[in-house]
Amino acid sequence: MAVCYERLWELLAKKNMKKIELQHRSGISGNILAKLGRNEYISMQSVEKICGTLNCTIDEIMKFKESK
């Protein structure tokens, strides 16, 4: 299985928030933002920061999909 952050990008668009704004508001690093862009795993601490900033749950920002 692979992680996918498509839901995060959709939520940001819905909230009219740019990725860099999420980075600054949540306190995540640029490296974490880059990992999100490449659908790589990030720490639960980072997920918690993002969910707290966006006032959402984990399933609203990520999903798992079958890897090929």
PDB file of N, CA and C in Angstrom:
ATOM      1  N   MET A   1       0.837  -1.190   0.000  1.00  0.00           N
ATOM      2  CA  MET A   1       0.000   0.000   0.000  1.00  0.00           C
ATOM      3  C   MET A   1       0.877   1.246   0.000  1.00  0.00           C
ATOM      4  N   ALA A   2       0.362   2.271  -0.587  1.00  0.00           N
ATOM      5  CA  ALA A   2       1.066   3.547  -0.655  1.00  0.00           C
ATOM      6  C   ALA A   2       0.163   4.646  -0.106  1.00  0.00           C
ATOM      7  N   VAL A   3       0.792   5.655   0.439  1.00  0.00           N
ATOM      8  CA  VAL A   3       0.043   6.783   0.976  1.00  0.00           C
ATOM      9  C   VAL A   3      -0.196   7.800  -0.145  1.00  0.00           C
ATOM     10  N   CYS A   4      -1.311   8.497  -0.057  1.00  0.00           N
ATOM     11  CA  CYS A   4      -1.670   9.491  -1.070  1.00  0.00           C
ATOM     12  C   CYS A   4      -2.270  10.708  -0.370  1.00  0.00           C
ATOM     13  N   TYR A   5      -1.779  11.886  -0.697  1.00  0.00           N
ATOM     14  CA  TYR A   5      -2.233  13.116  -0.055  1.00  0.00           C
ATOM     15  C   TYR A   5      -3.129  13.976  -0.951  1.00  0.00           C
ATOM     16  N   GLU A   6      -3.770  13.362  -1.947  1.00  0.00           N
ATOM     17  CA  GLU A   6      -4.656  14.114  -2.839  1.00  0.00           C
ATOM     18  C   GLU A   6      -5.725  14.872  -2.053  1.00  0.00           C
ATOM     19  N   ARG A   7      -6.227  14.241  -1.006  1.00  0.00           N
ATOM     20  CA  ARG A   7      -7.279  14.874  -0.195  1.00  0.00           C
ATOM     21  C   ARG A   7      -6.769  16.148   0.478  1.00  0.00           C
ATOM     22  N   LEU A   8      -5.505  16.155   0.870  1.00  0.00           N
ATOM     23  CA  LEU A   8      -4.922  17.352   1.481  1.00  0.00           C
ATOM     24  C   LEU A   8      -4.930  18.501   0.488  1.00  0.00           C
ATOM     25  N   TRP A   9      -4.498  18.236  -0.734  1.00  0.00           N
ATOM     26  CA  TRP A   9      -4.445  19.301  -1.747  1.00  0.00           C
ATOM     27  C   TRP A   9      -5.850  19.802  -2.082  1.00  0.00           C
ATOM     28  N   GLU A  10      -6.824  18.899  -2.099  1.00  0.00           N
ATOM     29  CA  GLU A  10      -8.212  19.306  -2.351  1.00  0.00           C
ATOM     30  C   GLU A  10      -8.737  20.168  -1.210  1.00  0.00           C
ATOM     31  N   LEU A  11      -8.394  19.794   0.033  1.00  0.00           N
ATOM     32  CA  LEU A  11      -8.835  20.559   1.196  1.00  0.00           C
ATOM     33  C   LEU A  11      -8.189  21.945   1.206  1.00  0.00           C
ATOM     34  N   LEU A  12      -6.925  22.025   0.860  1.00  0.00           N
ATOM     35  CA  LEU A  12      -6.255  23.323   0.789  1.00  0.00           C
ATOM     36  C   LEU A  12      -6.921  24.217  -0.251  1.00  0.00           C
ATOM     37  N   ALA A  13      -7.255  23.653  -1.401  1.00  0.00           N
ATOM     38  CA  ALA A  13      -7.927  24.428  -2.453  1.00  0.00           C
ATOM     39  C   ALA A  13      -9.287  24.914  -1.963  1.00  0.00           C
ATOM     40  N   LYS A  14     -10.004  24.038  -1.271  1.00  0.00           N
ATOM     41  CA  LYS A  14     -11.321  24.406  -0.756  1.00  0.00           C
ATOM     42  C   LYS A  14     -11.209  25.540   0.263  1.00  0.00           C
ATOM     43  N   LYS A  15     -10.146  25.534   1.065  1.00  0.00           N
ATOM     44  CA  LYS A  15      -9.934  26.565   2.077  1.00  0.00           C
ATOM     45  C   LYS A  15      -9.169  27.762   1.524  1.00  0.00           C
ATOM     46  N   ASN A  16      -8.860  27.713   0.231  1.00  0.00           N
ATOM     47  CA  ASN A  16      -8.137  28.794  -0.442  1.00  0.00           C
ATOM     48  C   ASN A  16      -6.804  29.079   0.262  1.00  0.00           C
ATOM     49  N   MET A  17      -6.072  28.017   0.561  1.00  0.00           N
ATOM     50  CA  MET A  17      -4.796  28.129   1.268  1.00  0.00           C
ATOM     51  C   MET A  17      -3.691  27.540   0.400  1.00  0.00           C
ATOM     52  N   LYS A  18      -2.572  28.227   0.327  1.00  0.00           N
ATOM     53  CA  LYS A  18      -1.426  27.751  -0.435  1.00  0.00           C
ATOM     54  C   LYS A  18      -0.576  26.820   0.434  1.00  0.00           C
ATOM     55  N   LYS A  19       0.211  25.980  -0.218  1.00  0.00           N
ATOM     56  CA  LYS A  19       1.062  25.024   0.491  1.00  0.00           C
ATOM     57  C   LYS A  19       2.022  25.728   1.445  1.00  0.00           C
ATOM     58  N   ILE A  20       2.613  26.830   0.993  1.00  0.00           N
ATOM     59  CA  ILE A  20       3.574  27.550   1.830  1.00  0.00           C
ATOM     60  C   ILE A  20       2.882  28.140   3.062  1.00  0.00           C
ATOM     61  N   GLU A  21       1.636  28.533   2.904  1.00  0.00           N
ATOM     62  CA  GLU A  21       0.869  29.048   4.038  1.00  0.00           C
ATOM     63  C   GLU A  21       0.617  27.935   5.053  1.00  0.00           C
ATOM     64  N   LEU A  22       0.307  26.737   4.562  1.00  0.00           N
ATOM     65  CA  LEU A  22       0.141  25.590   5.454  1.00  0.00           C
ATOM     66  C   LEU A  22       1.442  25.335   6.212  1.00  0.00           C
ATOM     67  N   GLN A  23       2.545  25.400   5.517  1.00  0.00           N
ATOM     68  CA  GLN A  23       3.845  25.177   6.150  1.00  0.00           C
ATOM     69  C   GLN A  23       4.069  26.157   7.298  1.00  0.00           C
ATOM     70  N   HIS A  24       3.840  27.420   7.057  1.00  0.00           N
ATOM     71  CA  HIS A  24       4.076  28.438   8.083  1.00  0.00           C
ATOM     72  C   HIS A  24       3.087  28.331   9.239  1.00  0.00           C
ATOM     73  N   ARG A  25       1.831  28.127   8.936  1.00  0.00           N
ATOM     74  CA  ARG A  25       0.813  28.051   9.989  1.00  0.00           C
ATOM     75  C   ARG A  25       0.966  26.813  10.861  1.00  0.00           C
ATOM     76  N   SER A  26       1.329  25.694  10.255  1.00  0.00           N
ATOM     77  CA  SER A  26       1.405  24.442  11.012  1.00  0.00           C
ATOM     78  C   SER A  26       2.772  24.217  11.654  1.00  0.00           C
ATOM     79  N   GLY A  27       3.789  24.894  11.153  1.00  0.00           N
ATOM     80  CA  GLY A  27       5.125  24.724  11.712  1.00  0.00           C
ATOM     81  C   GLY A  27       5.865  23.513  11.169  1.00  0.00           C
ATOM     82  N   ILE A  28       5.403  22.979  10.043  1.00  0.00           N
ATOM     83  CA  ILE A  28       6.128  21.866   9.424  1.00  0.00           C
ATOM     84  C   ILE A  28       7.271  22.429   8.586  1.00  0.00           C
ATOM     85  N   SER A  29       8.256  21.605   8.327  1.00  0.00           N
ATOM     86  CA  SER A  29       9.413  22.060   7.552  1.00  0.00           C
ATOM     87  C   SER A  29       9.146  21.971   6.050  1.00  0.00           C
ATOM     88  N   GLY A  30       9.998  22.620   5.301  1.00  0.00           N
ATOM     89  CA  GLY A  30       9.920  22.529   3.849  1.00  0.00           C
ATOM     90  C   GLY A  30      10.154  21.100   3.374  1.00  0.00           C
ATOM     91  N   ASN A  31      10.978  20.361   4.119  1.00  0.00           N
ATOM     92  CA  ASN A  31      11.247  18.964   3.792  1.00  0.00           C
ATOM     93  C   ASN A  31       9.971  18.131   3.904  1.00  0.00           C
ATOM     94  N   ILE A  32       9.183  18.378   4.942  1.00  0.00           N
ATOM     95  CA  ILE A  32       7.920  17.654   5.117  1.00  0.00           C
ATOM     96  C   ILE A  32       6.972  18.003   3.973  1.00  0.00           C
ATOM     97  N   LEU A  33       6.913  19.258   3.608  1.00  0.00           N
ATOM     98  CA  LEU A  33       6.061  19.687   2.501  1.00  0.00           C
ATOM     99  C   LEU A  33       6.479  18.991   1.204  1.00  0.00           C
ATOM    100  N   ALA A  34       7.779  18.855   0.995  1.00  0.00           N
ATOM    101  CA  ALA A  34       8.280  18.165  -0.199  1.00  0.00           C
ATOM    102  C   ALA A  34       7.889  16.688  -0.175  1.00  0.00           C
ATOM    103  N   LYS A  35       7.976  16.049   0.998  1.00  0.00           N
ATOM    104  CA  LYS A  35       7.583  14.641   1.124  1.00  0.00           C
ATOM    105  C   LYS A  35       6.093  14.474   0.817  1.00  0.00           C
ATOM    106  N   LEU A  36       5.291  15.413   1.286  1.00  0.00           N
ATOM    107  CA  LEU A  36       3.858  15.364   0.988  1.00  0.00           C
ATOM    108  C   LEU A  36       3.628  15.425  -0.520  1.00  0.00           C
ATOM    109  N   GLY A  37       4.370  16.274  -1.191  1.00  0.00           N
ATOM    110  CA  GLY A  37       4.247  16.420  -2.633  1.00  0.00           C
ATOM    111  C   GLY A  37       4.642  15.166  -3.403  1.00  0.00           C
ATOM    112  N   ARG A  38       5.510  14.350  -2.788  1.00  0.00           N
ATOM    113  CA  ARG A  38       5.952  13.108  -3.427  1.00  0.00           C
ATOM    114  C   ARG A  38       5.197  11.890  -2.884  1.00  0.00           C
ATOM    115  N   ASN A  39       4.138  12.135  -2.110  1.00  0.00           N
ATOM    116  CA  ASN A  39       3.342  11.059  -1.500  1.00  0.00           C
ATOM    117  C   ASN A  39       4.212  10.084  -0.712  1.00  0.00           C
ATOM    118  N   GLU A  40       5.127  10.638   0.085  1.00  0.00           N
ATOM    119  CA  GLU A  40       5.968   9.834   0.952  1.00  0.00           C
ATOM    120  C   GLU A  40       5.419   9.875   2.370  1.00  0.00           C
ATOM    121  N   TYR A  41       5.819   8.908   3.180  1.00  0.00           N
ATOM    122  CA  TYR A  41       5.369   8.863   4.559  1.00  0.00           C
ATOM    123  C   TYR A  41       5.981  10.001   5.368  1.00  0.00           C
ATOM    124  N   ILE A  42       5.182  10.567   6.275  1.00  0.00           N
ATOM    125  CA  ILE A  42       5.660  11.586   7.202  1.00  0.00           C
ATOM    126  C   ILE A  42       5.286  11.134   8.613  1.00  0.00           C
ATOM    127  N   SER A  43       5.850  11.785   9.610  1.00  0.00           N
ATOM    128  CA  SER A  43       5.595  11.392  10.992  1.00  0.00           C
ATOM    129  C   SER A  43       4.170  11.732  11.420  1.00  0.00           C
ATOM    130  N   MET A  44       3.702  11.003  12.419  1.00  0.00           N
ATOM    131  CA  MET A  44       2.374  11.295  12.965  1.00  0.00           C
ATOM    132  C   MET A  44       2.351  12.673  13.610  1.00  0.00           C
ATOM    133  N   GLN A  45       3.481  13.117  14.121  1.00  0.00           N
ATOM    134  CA  GLN A  45       3.564  14.460  14.696  1.00  0.00           C
ATOM    135  C   GLN A  45       3.260  15.515  13.626  1.00  0.00           C
ATOM    136  N   SER A  46       3.789  15.322  12.441  1.00  0.00           N
ATOM    137  CA  SER A  46       3.523  16.258  11.340  1.00  0.00           C
ATOM    138  C   SER A  46       2.067  16.182  10.903  1.00  0.00           C
ATOM    139  N   VAL A  47       1.526  14.972  10.846  1.00  0.00           N
ATOM    140  CA  VAL A  47       0.115  14.803  10.491  1.00  0.00           C
ATOM    141  C   VAL A  47      -0.758  15.523  11.516  1.00  0.00           C
ATOM    142  N   GLU A  48      -0.411  15.389  12.789  1.00  0.00           N
ATOM    143  CA  GLU A  48      -1.164  16.048  13.862  1.00  0.00           C
ATOM    144  C   GLU A  48      -1.118  17.567  13.712  1.00  0.00           C
ATOM    145  N   LYS A  49       0.043  18.110  13.382  1.00  0.00           N
ATOM    146  CA  LYS A  49       0.176  19.560  13.185  1.00  0.00           C
ATOM    147  C   LYS A  49      -0.701  20.033  12.025  1.00  0.00           C
ATOM    148  N   ILE A  50      -0.693  19.283  10.937  1.00  0.00           N
ATOM    149  CA  ILE A  50      -1.485  19.654   9.764  1.00  0.00           C
ATOM    150  C   ILE A  50      -2.972  19.587  10.086  1.00  0.00           C
ATOM    151  N   CYS A  51      -3.397  18.503  10.723  1.00  0.00           N
ATOM    152  CA  CYS A  51      -4.813  18.352  11.074  1.00  0.00           C
ATOM    153  C   CYS A  51      -5.256  19.429  12.053  1.00  0.00           C
ATOM    154  N   GLY A  52      -4.395  19.774  13.000  1.00  0.00           N
ATOM    155  CA  GLY A  52      -4.722  20.838  13.947  1.00  0.00           C
ATOM    156  C   GLY A  52      -4.866  22.184  13.256  1.00  0.00           C
ATOM    157  N   THR A  53      -3.997  22.449  12.312  1.00  0.00           N
ATOM    158  CA  THR A  53      -4.050  23.713  11.566  1.00  0.00           C
ATOM    159  C   THR A  53      -5.296  23.800  10.704  1.00  0.00           C
ATOM    160  N   LEU A  54      -5.649  22.700  10.056  1.00  0.00           N
ATOM    161  CA  LEU A  54      -6.788  22.694   9.141  1.00  0.00           C
ATOM    162  C   LEU A  54      -8.098  22.316   9.833  1.00  0.00           C
ATOM    163  N   ASN A  55      -8.009  21.974  11.127  1.00  0.00           N
ATOM    164  CA  ASN A  55      -9.194  21.567  11.895  1.00  0.00           C
ATOM    165  C   ASN A  55      -9.922  20.421  11.185  1.00  0.00           C
ATOM    166  N   CYS A  56      -9.174  19.357  10.939  1.00  0.00           N
ATOM    167  CA  CYS A  56      -9.722  18.214  10.213  1.00  0.00           C
ATOM    168  C   CYS A  56      -9.204  16.920  10.819  1.00  0.00           C
ATOM    169  N   THR A  57      -9.663  15.801  10.293  1.00  0.00           N
ATOM    170  CA  THR A  57      -9.201  14.491  10.733  1.00  0.00           C
ATOM    171  C   THR A  57      -8.232  13.914   9.699  1.00  0.00           C
ATOM    172  N   ILE A  58      -7.546  12.863  10.103  1.00  0.00           N
ATOM    173  CA  ILE A  58      -6.542  12.254   9.228  1.00  0.00           C
ATOM    174  C   ILE A  58      -7.138  11.802   7.896  1.00  0.00           C
ATOM    175  N   ASP A  59      -8.311  11.209   7.950  1.00  0.00           N
ATOM    176  CA  ASP A  59      -8.901  10.698   6.702  1.00  0.00           C
ATOM    177  C   ASP A  59      -9.332  11.808   5.749  1.00  0.00           C
ATOM    178  N   GLU A  60      -9.328  13.045   6.214  1.00  0.00           N
ATOM    179  CA  GLU A  60      -9.655  14.172   5.337  1.00  0.00           C
ATOM    180  C   GLU A  60      -8.435  14.683   4.577  1.00  0.00           C
ATOM    181  N   ILE A  61      -7.226  14.223   4.964  1.00  0.00           N
ATOM    182  CA  ILE A  61      -6.022  14.696   4.280  1.00  0.00           C
ATOM    183  C   ILE A  61      -5.230  13.597   3.589  1.00  0.00           C
ATOM    184  N   MET A  62      -5.507  12.338   3.923  1.00  0.00           N
ATOM    185  CA  MET A  62      -4.730  11.271   3.303  1.00  0.00           C
ATOM    186  C   MET A  62      -5.549  10.001   3.145  1.00  0.00           C
ATOM    187  N   LYS A  63      -5.058   9.151   2.263  1.00  0.00           N
ATOM    188  CA  LYS A  63      -5.677   7.836   2.075  1.00  0.00           C
ATOM    189  C   LYS A  63      -4.572   6.879   1.649  1.00  0.00           C
ATOM    190  N   PHE A  64      -4.889   5.605   1.725  1.00  0.00           N
ATOM    191  CA  PHE A  64      -3.963   4.589   1.260  1.00  0.00           C
ATOM    192  C   PHE A  64      -4.506   4.010  -0.035  1.00  0.00           C
ATOM    193  N   LYS A  65      -3.624   3.726  -0.949  1.00  0.00           N
ATOM    194  CA  LYS A  65      -4.040   3.118  -2.207  1.00  0.00           C
ATOM    195  C   LYS A  65      -3.095   1.986  -2.533  1.00  0.00           C
ATOM    196  N   GLU A  66      -3.551   1.112  -3.373  1.00  0.00           N
ATOM    197  CA  GLU A  66      -2.751  -0.031  -3.789  1.00  0.00           C
ATOM    198  C   GLU A  66      -1.521   0.451  -4.539  1.00  0.00           C
ATOM    199  N   SER A  67      -0.371  -0.074  -4.180  1.00  0.00           N
ATOM    200  CA  SER A  67       0.823   0.261  -4.932  1.00  0.00           C
ATOM    201  C   SER A  67       0.985  -0.710  -6.081  1.00  0.00           C
ATOM    202  N   LYS A  68       1.565  -0.236  -7.158  1.00  0.00           N
ATOM    203  CA  LYS A  68       1.694  -1.050  -8.368  1.00  0.00           C
ATOM    204  C   LYS A  68       2.980  -1.804  -8.384  1.00  0.00           C
TER     205      LYS A  68
END
